[in-house]
Amino acid sequence: PVAVILLAKTGVVSVDKLVAARPYVIVGAFVIA
């Protein structure tokens, strides 16, 4: 959550793009696990 908020707060990534990246995050989470 800190990384996500920091990315959005600094304007590096918009919230809409964070939402669009959800499927890739889910796949990445299971790969990392």
PDB file of all heavy atoms in Angstrom:
ATOM      1  N   PRO A   1       0.813  -1.231   0.000  1.00  0.00           N
ATOM      2  CA  PRO A   1       0.000   0.000   0.000  1.00  0.00           C
ATOM      3  C   PRO A   1       0.840   1.271   0.000  1.00  0.00           C
ATOM      4  O   PRO A   1       0.485   2.251  -0.654  1.00  0.00           O
ATOM      5  CB  PRO A   1      -0.824  -0.123   1.288  1.00  0.00           C
ATOM      6  CG  PRO A   1      -0.853  -1.572   1.594  1.00  0.00           C
ATOM      7  CD  PRO A   1       0.461  -2.108   1.137  1.00  0.00           C
ATOM      8  N   VAL A   2       1.958   1.263   0.721  1.00  0.00           N
ATOM      9  CA  VAL A   2       2.830   2.438   0.755  1.00  0.00           C
ATOM     10  C   VAL A   2       3.395   2.713  -0.633  1.00  0.00           C
ATOM     11  O   VAL A   2       3.427   3.867  -1.091  1.00  0.00           O
ATOM     12  CB  VAL A   2       3.967   2.242   1.776  1.00  0.00           C
ATOM     13  CG1 VAL A   2       4.944   3.406   1.722  1.00  0.00           C
ATOM     14  CG2 VAL A   2       3.405   2.092   3.180  1.00  0.00           C
ATOM     15  N   ALA A   3       3.840   1.672  -1.326  1.00  0.00           N
ATOM     16  CA  ALA A   3       4.391   1.841  -2.670  1.00  0.00           C
ATOM     17  C   ALA A   3       3.327   2.371  -3.631  1.00  0.00           C
ATOM     18  O   ALA A   3       3.598   3.270  -4.439  1.00  0.00           O
ATOM     19  CB  ALA A   3       4.954   0.511  -3.172  1.00  0.00           C
ATOM     20  N   VAL A   4       2.121   1.837  -3.534  1.00  0.00           N
ATOM     21  CA  VAL A   4       1.039   2.275  -4.427  1.00  0.00           C
ATOM     22  C   VAL A   4       0.683   3.740  -4.160  1.00  0.00           C
ATOM     23  O   VAL A   4       0.548   4.548  -5.099  1.00  0.00           O
ATOM     24  CB  VAL A   4      -0.194   1.369  -4.243  1.00  0.00           C
ATOM     25  CG1 VAL A   4      -1.385   1.926  -5.010  1.00  0.00           C
ATOM     26  CG2 VAL A   4       0.114  -0.046  -4.713  1.00  0.00           C
ATOM     27  N   ILE A   5       0.532   4.094  -2.900  1.00  0.00           N
ATOM     28  CA  ILE A   5       0.185   5.472  -2.550  1.00  0.00           C
ATOM     29  C   ILE A   5       1.296   6.431  -2.974  1.00  0.00           C
ATOM     30  O   ILE A   5       1.027   7.530  -3.479  1.00  0.00           O
ATOM     31  CB  ILE A   5      -0.085   5.579  -1.038  1.00  0.00           C
ATOM     32  CG1 ILE A   5      -1.339   4.781  -0.675  1.00  0.00           C
ATOM     33  CG2 ILE A   5      -0.249   7.034  -0.602  1.00  0.00           C
ATOM     34  CD1 ILE A   5      -1.565   4.643   0.817  1.00  0.00           C
ATOM     35  N   LEU A   6       2.541   6.018  -2.791  1.00  0.00           N
ATOM     36  CA  LEU A   6       3.669   6.875  -3.162  1.00  0.00           C
ATOM     37  C   LEU A   6       3.707   7.109  -4.666  1.00  0.00           C
ATOM     38  O   LEU A   6       3.959   8.231  -5.130  1.00  0.00           O
ATOM     39  CB  LEU A   6       4.975   6.240  -2.689  1.00  0.00           C
ATOM     40  CG  LEU A   6       6.239   7.093  -2.831  1.00  0.00           C
ATOM     41  CD1 LEU A   6       6.105   8.367  -2.014  1.00  0.00           C
ATOM     42  CD2 LEU A   6       7.455   6.310  -2.396  1.00  0.00           C
ATOM     43  N   LEU A   7       3.451   6.060  -5.455  1.00  0.00           N
ATOM     44  CA  LEU A   7       3.431   6.206  -6.908  1.00  0.00           C
ATOM     45  C   LEU A   7       2.336   7.178  -7.348  1.00  0.00           C
ATOM     46  O   LEU A   7       2.539   8.015  -8.234  1.00  0.00           O
ATOM     47  CB  LEU A   7       3.221   4.845  -7.573  1.00  0.00           C
ATOM     48  CG  LEU A   7       4.400   3.869  -7.537  1.00  0.00           C
ATOM     49  CD1 LEU A   7       3.979   2.516  -8.077  1.00  0.00           C
ATOM     50  CD2 LEU A   7       5.576   4.419  -8.336  1.00  0.00           C
ATOM     51  N   ALA A   8       1.174   7.049  -6.726  1.00  0.00           N
ATOM     52  CA  ALA A   8       0.069   7.936  -7.088  1.00  0.00           C
ATOM     53  C   ALA A   8       0.290   9.353  -6.565  1.00  0.00           C
ATOM     54  O   ALA A   8      -0.011  10.336  -7.246  1.00  0.00           O
ATOM     55  CB  ALA A   8      -1.244   7.380  -6.539  1.00  0.00           C
ATOM     56  N   LYS A   9       0.817   9.482  -5.363  1.00  0.00           N
ATOM     57  CA  LYS A   9       1.031  10.787  -4.751  1.00  0.00           C
ATOM     58  C   LYS A   9       2.038  11.620  -5.520  1.00  0.00           C
ATOM     59  O   LYS A   9       1.885  12.837  -5.677  1.00  0.00           O
ATOM     60  CB  LYS A   9       1.507  10.593  -3.304  1.00  0.00           C
ATOM     61  CG  LYS A   9       1.690  11.881  -2.516  1.00  0.00           C
ATOM     62  CD  LYS A   9       0.379  12.526  -2.178  1.00  0.00           C
ATOM     63  CE  LYS A   9       0.578  13.743  -1.270  1.00  0.00           C
ATOM     64  NZ  LYS A   9      -0.686  14.425  -0.950  1.00  0.00           N
ATOM     65  N   THR A  10       3.100  10.989  -6.015  1.00  0.00           N
ATOM     66  CA  THR A  10       4.136  11.699  -6.761  1.00  0.00           C
ATOM     67  C   THR A  10       3.752  11.924  -8.217  1.00  0.00           C
ATOM     68  O   THR A  10       4.476  12.612  -8.950  1.00  0.00           O
ATOM     69  CB  THR A  10       5.466  10.924  -6.712  1.00  0.00           C
ATOM     70  OG1 THR A  10       5.253   9.588  -7.193  1.00  0.00           O
ATOM     71  CG2 THR A  10       5.994  10.874  -5.287  1.00  0.00           C
ATOM     72  N   GLY A  11       2.631  11.350  -8.652  1.00  0.00           N
ATOM     73  CA  GLY A  11       2.185  11.552 -10.021  1.00  0.00           C
ATOM     74  C   GLY A  11       2.885  10.693 -11.040  1.00  0.00           C
ATOM     75  O   GLY A  11       2.723  10.895 -12.244  1.00  0.00           O
ATOM     76  N   VAL A  12       3.656   9.716 -10.594  1.00  0.00           N
ATOM     77  CA  VAL A  12       4.343   8.835 -11.540  1.00  0.00           C
ATOM     78  C   VAL A  12       3.349   7.960 -12.288  1.00  0.00           C
ATOM     79  O   VAL A  12       3.482   7.719 -13.489  1.00  0.00           O
ATOM     80  CB  VAL A  12       5.376   7.960 -10.796  1.00  0.00           C
ATOM     81  CG1 VAL A  12       6.013   6.947 -11.736  1.00  0.00           C
ATOM     82  CG2 VAL A  12       6.450   8.840 -10.163  1.00  0.00           C
ATOM     83  N   VAL A  13       2.331   7.483 -11.575  1.00  0.00           N
ATOM     84  CA  VAL A  13       1.293   6.641 -12.173  1.00  0.00           C
ATOM     85  C   VAL A  13      -0.060   7.148 -11.692  1.00  0.00           C
ATOM     86  O   VAL A  13      -0.220   7.475 -10.510  1.00  0.00           O
ATOM     87  CB  VAL A  13       1.466   5.159 -11.780  1.00  0.00           C
ATOM     88  CG1 VAL A  13       0.396   4.298 -12.434  1.00  0.00           C
ATOM     89  CG2 VAL A  13       2.847   4.656 -12.168  1.00  0.00           C
ATOM     90  N   SER A  14      -1.006   7.215 -12.580  1.00  0.00           N
ATOM     91  CA  SER A  14      -2.353   7.628 -12.185  1.00  0.00           C
ATOM     92  C   SER A  14      -3.098   6.476 -11.523  1.00  0.00           C
ATOM     93  O   SER A  14      -2.740   5.306 -11.699  1.00  0.00           O
ATOM     94  CB  SER A  14      -3.132   8.117 -13.411  1.00  0.00           C
ATOM     95  OG  SER A  14      -3.388   7.024 -14.286  1.00  0.00           O
ATOM     96  N   VAL A  15      -4.133   6.826 -10.787  1.00  0.00           N
ATOM     97  CA  VAL A  15      -4.939   5.801 -10.127  1.00  0.00           C
ATOM     98  C   VAL A  15      -5.610   4.900 -11.160  1.00  0.00           C
ATOM     99  O   VAL A  15      -5.739   3.692 -10.963  1.00  0.00           O
ATOM    100  CB  VAL A  15      -5.978   6.452  -9.194  1.00  0.00           C
ATOM    101  CG1 VAL A  15      -6.896   5.386  -8.578  1.00  0.00           C
ATOM    102  CG2 VAL A  15      -5.306   7.251  -8.098  1.00  0.00           C
ATOM    103  N   ASP A  16      -6.042   5.486 -12.282  1.00  0.00           N
ATOM    104  CA  ASP A  16      -6.679   4.690 -13.326  1.00  0.00           C
ATOM    105  C   ASP A  16      -5.724   3.635 -13.883  1.00  0.00           C
ATOM    106  O   ASP A  16      -6.114   2.499 -14.166  1.00  0.00           O
ATOM    107  CB  ASP A  16      -7.159   5.599 -14.460  1.00  0.00           C
ATOM    108  CG  ASP A  16      -8.370   6.421 -14.048  1.00  0.00           C
ATOM    109  OD1 ASP A  16      -9.047   6.021 -13.080  1.00  0.00           O
ATOM    110  OD2 ASP A  16      -8.603   7.468 -14.677  1.00  0.00           O
ATOM    111  N   LYS A  17      -4.459   4.006 -14.020  1.00  0.00           N
ATOM    112  CA  LYS A  17      -3.483   3.029 -14.521  1.00  0.00           C
ATOM    113  C   LYS A  17      -3.183   1.962 -13.473  1.00  0.00           C
ATOM    114  O   LYS A  17      -2.917   0.816 -13.817  1.00  0.00           O
ATOM    115  CB  LYS A  17      -2.197   3.753 -14.932  1.00  0.00           C
ATOM    116  CG  LYS A  17      -2.340   4.538 -16.223  1.00  0.00           C
ATOM    117  CD  LYS A  17      -1.005   5.051 -16.717  1.00  0.00           C
ATOM    118  CE  LYS A  17      -1.159   5.743 -18.057  1.00  0.00           C
ATOM    119  NZ  LYS A  17       0.141   6.228 -18.597  1.00  0.00           N
ATOM    120  N   LEU A  18      -3.221   2.347 -12.202  1.00  0.00           N
ATOM    121  CA  LEU A  18      -3.046   1.357 -11.145  1.00  0.00           C
ATOM    122  C   LEU A  18      -4.188   0.349 -11.163  1.00  0.00           C
ATOM    123  O   LEU A  18      -3.979  -0.850 -10.955  1.00  0.00           O
ATOM    124  CB  LEU A  18      -2.979   2.054  -9.789  1.00  0.00           C
ATOM    125  CG  LEU A  18      -1.719   2.886  -9.514  1.00  0.00           C
ATOM    126  CD1 LEU A  18      -1.877   3.675  -8.222  1.00  0.00           C
ATOM    127  CD2 LEU A  18      -0.492   1.993  -9.436  1.00  0.00           C
ATOM    128  N   VAL A  19      -5.393   0.833 -11.413  1.00  0.00           N
ATOM    129  CA  VAL A  19      -6.544  -0.068 -11.500  1.00  0.00           C
ATOM    130  C   VAL A  19      -6.411  -0.975 -12.726  1.00  0.00           C
ATOM    131  O   VAL A  19      -6.693  -2.181 -12.658  1.00  0.00           O
ATOM    132  CB  VAL A  19      -7.853   0.744 -11.568  1.00  0.00           C
ATOM    133  CG1 VAL A  19      -9.051  -0.174 -11.829  1.00  0.00           C
ATOM    134  CG2 VAL A  19      -8.066   1.523 -10.279  1.00  0.00           C
ATOM    135  N   ALA A  20      -5.967  -0.400 -13.851  1.00  0.00           N
ATOM    136  CA  ALA A  20      -5.815  -1.195 -15.074  1.00  0.00           C
ATOM    137  C   ALA A  20      -4.736  -2.254 -14.932  1.00  0.00           C
ATOM    138  O   ALA A  20      -4.776  -3.292 -15.615  1.00  0.00           O
ATOM    139  CB  ALA A  20      -5.484  -0.274 -16.250  1.00  0.00           C
ATOM    140  N   ALA A  21      -3.770  -2.018 -14.037  1.00  0.00           N
ATOM    141  CA  ALA A  21      -2.677  -2.976 -13.857  1.00  0.00           C
ATOM    142  C   ALA A  21      -3.040  -4.110 -12.916  1.00  0.00           C
ATOM    143  O   ALA A  21      -2.203  -4.997 -12.680  1.00  0.00           O
ATOM    144  CB  ALA A  21      -1.443  -2.247 -13.322  1.00  0.00           C
ATOM    145  N   ARG A  22      -4.268  -4.136 -12.393  1.00  0.00           N
ATOM    146  CA  ARG A  22      -4.669  -5.133 -11.412  1.00  0.00           C
ATOM    147  C   ARG A  22      -4.438  -6.572 -11.898  1.00  0.00           C
ATOM    148  O   ARG A  22      -3.897  -7.393 -11.137  1.00  0.00           O
ATOM    149  CB  ARG A  22      -6.132  -4.925 -11.015  1.00  0.00           C
ATOM    150  CG  ARG A  22      -6.603  -5.881  -9.916  1.00  0.00           C
ATOM    151  CD  ARG A  22      -8.088  -5.733  -9.658  1.00  0.00           C
ATOM    152  NE  ARG A  22      -8.404  -4.437  -9.074  1.00  0.00           N
ATOM    153  CZ  ARG A  22      -9.246  -3.558  -9.621  1.00  0.00           C
ATOM    154  NH1 ARG A  22      -9.815  -3.832 -10.786  1.00  0.00           N
ATOM    155  NH2 ARG A  22      -9.503  -2.417  -9.018  1.00  0.00           N
ATOM    156  N   PRO A  23      -4.833  -6.950 -13.119  1.00  0.00           N
ATOM    157  CA  PRO A  23      -4.598  -8.345 -13.544  1.00  0.00           C
ATOM    158  C   PRO A  23      -3.122  -8.730 -13.536  1.00  0.00           C
ATOM    159  O   PRO A  23      -2.775  -9.860 -13.157  1.00  0.00           O
ATOM    160  CB  PRO A  23      -5.174  -8.377 -14.968  1.00  0.00           C
ATOM    161  CG  PRO A  23      -6.153  -7.249 -15.009  1.00  0.00           C
ATOM    162  CD  PRO A  23      -5.572  -6.187 -14.138  1.00  0.00           C
ATOM    163  N   TYR A  24      -2.258  -7.798 -13.937  1.00  0.00           N
ATOM    164  CA  TYR A  24      -0.823  -8.103 -13.952  1.00  0.00           C
ATOM    165  C   TYR A  24      -0.282  -8.224 -12.523  1.00  0.00           C
ATOM    166  O   TYR A  24       0.611  -9.044 -12.260  1.00  0.00           O
ATOM    167  CB  TYR A  24      -0.075  -6.999 -14.701  1.00  0.00           C
ATOM    168  CG  TYR A  24      -0.565  -6.795 -16.112  1.00  0.00           C
ATOM    169  CD1 TYR A  24      -1.440  -5.756 -16.421  1.00  0.00           C
ATOM    170  CD2 TYR A  24      -0.161  -7.650 -17.137  1.00  0.00           C
ATOM    171  CE1 TYR A  24      -1.901  -5.571 -17.719  1.00  0.00           C
ATOM    172  CE2 TYR A  24      -0.610  -7.472 -18.436  1.00  0.00           C
ATOM    173  CZ  TYR A  24      -1.489  -6.429 -18.715  1.00  0.00           C
ATOM    174  OH  TYR A  24      -1.939  -6.266 -19.998  1.00  0.00           O
ATOM    175  N   VAL A  25      -0.826  -7.419 -11.621  1.00  0.00           N
ATOM    176  CA  VAL A  25      -0.405  -7.488 -10.222  1.00  0.00           C
ATOM    177  C   VAL A  25      -0.793  -8.835  -9.620  1.00  0.00           C
ATOM    178  O   VAL A  25      -0.014  -9.448  -8.874  1.00  0.00           O
ATOM    179  CB  VAL A  25      -1.025  -6.330  -9.412  1.00  0.00           C
ATOM    180  CG1 VAL A  25      -0.749  -6.500  -7.925  1.00  0.00           C
ATOM    181  CG2 VAL A  25      -0.472  -5.002  -9.898  1.00  0.00           C
ATOM    182  N   ILE A  26      -1.984  -9.321  -9.928  1.00  0.00           N
ATOM    183  CA  ILE A  26      -2.437 -10.609  -9.400  1.00  0.00           C
ATOM    184  C   ILE A  26      -1.535 -11.737  -9.888  1.00  0.00           C
ATOM    185  O   ILE A  26      -1.092 -12.588  -9.108  1.00  0.00           O
ATOM    186  CB  ILE A  26      -3.905 -10.858  -9.811  1.00  0.00           C
ATOM    187  CG1 ILE A  26      -4.825  -9.834  -9.141  1.00  0.00           C
ATOM    188  CG2 ILE A  26      -4.329 -12.283  -9.437  1.00  0.00           C
ATOM    189  CD1 ILE A  26      -6.275  -9.923  -9.587  1.00  0.00           C
ATOM    190  N   VAL A  27      -1.236 -11.727 -11.191  1.00  0.00           N
ATOM    191  CA  VAL A  27      -0.342 -12.757 -11.735  1.00  0.00           C
ATOM    192  C   VAL A  27       1.035 -12.645 -11.102  1.00  0.00           C
ATOM    193  O   VAL A  27       1.653 -13.649 -10.692  1.00  0.00           O
ATOM    194  CB  VAL A  27      -0.247 -12.634 -13.271  1.00  0.00           C
ATOM    195  CG1 VAL A  27       0.796 -13.602 -13.822  1.00  0.00           C
ATOM    196  CG2 VAL A  27      -1.597 -12.898 -13.912  1.00  0.00           C
ATOM    197  N   GLY A  28       1.547 -11.417 -10.993  1.00  0.00           N
ATOM    198  CA  GLY A  28       2.856 -11.213 -10.395  1.00  0.00           C
ATOM    199  C   GLY A  28       2.911 -11.647  -8.943  1.00  0.00           C
ATOM    200  O   GLY A  28       3.921 -12.200  -8.487  1.00  0.00           O
ATOM    201  N   ALA A  29       1.807 -11.420  -8.204  1.00  0.00           N
ATOM    202  CA  ALA A  29       1.765 -11.811  -6.799  1.00  0.00           C
ATOM    203  C   ALA A  29       1.898 -13.319  -6.643  1.00  0.00           C
ATOM    204  O   ALA A  29       2.635 -13.811  -5.776  1.00  0.00           O
ATOM    205  CB  ALA A  29       0.469 -11.322  -6.160  1.00  0.00           C
ATOM    206  N   PHE A  30       1.215 -14.075  -7.482  1.00  0.00           N
ATOM    207  CA  PHE A  30       1.287 -15.536  -7.385  1.00  0.00           C
ATOM    208  C   PHE A  30       2.646 -16.060  -7.870  1.00  0.00           C
ATOM    209  O   PHE A  30       3.139 -17.057  -7.348  1.00  0.00           O
ATOM    210  CB  PHE A  30       0.149 -16.174  -8.186  1.00  0.00           C
ATOM    211  CG  PHE A  30      -1.161 -16.189  -7.450  1.00  0.00           C
ATOM    212  CD1 PHE A  30      -2.051 -15.140  -7.578  1.00  0.00           C
ATOM    213  CD2 PHE A  30      -1.495 -17.242  -6.620  1.00  0.00           C
ATOM    214  CE1 PHE A  30      -3.261 -15.139  -6.886  1.00  0.00           C
ATOM    215  CE2 PHE A  30      -2.692 -17.263  -5.924  1.00  0.00           C
ATOM    216  CZ  PHE A  30      -3.581 -16.201  -6.059  1.00  0.00           C
ATOM    217  N   VAL A  31       3.241 -15.385  -8.842  1.00  0.00           N
ATOM    218  CA  VAL A  31       4.579 -15.788  -9.289  1.00  0.00           C
ATOM    219  C   VAL A  31       5.598 -15.552  -8.182  1.00  0.00           C
ATOM    220  O   VAL A  31       6.435 -16.411  -7.880  1.00  0.00           O
ATOM    221  CB  VAL A  31       4.969 -15.017 -10.571  1.00  0.00           C
ATOM    222  CG1 VAL A  31       6.437 -15.268 -10.912  1.00  0.00           C
ATOM    223  CG2 VAL A  31       4.086 -15.432 -11.734  1.00  0.00           C
ATOM    224  N   ILE A  32       5.538 -14.383  -7.559  1.00  0.00           N
ATOM    225  CA  ILE A  32       6.458 -14.066  -6.461  1.00  0.00           C
ATOM    226  C   ILE A  32       6.265 -15.035  -5.304  1.00  0.00           C
ATOM    227  O   ILE A  32       7.232 -15.517  -4.703  1.00  0.00           O
ATOM    228  CB  ILE A  32       6.246 -12.614  -6.004  1.00  0.00           C
ATOM    229  CG1 ILE A  32       6.676 -11.642  -7.113  1.00  0.00           C
ATOM    230  CG2 ILE A  32       7.028 -12.334  -4.720  1.00  0.00           C
ATOM    231  CD1 ILE A  32       6.344 -10.197  -6.814  1.00  0.00           C
ATOM    232  N   ALA A  33       5.001 -15.322  -4.970  1.00  0.00           N
ATOM    233  CA  ALA A  33       4.721 -16.255  -3.878  1.00  0.00           C
ATOM    234  C   ALA A  33       5.261 -17.640  -4.183  1.00  0.00           C
ATOM    235  O   ALA A  33       5.787 -18.329  -3.297  1.00  0.00           O
ATOM    236  CB  ALA A  33       3.218 -16.312  -3.621  1.00  0.00           C
TER     237      ALA A  33
END
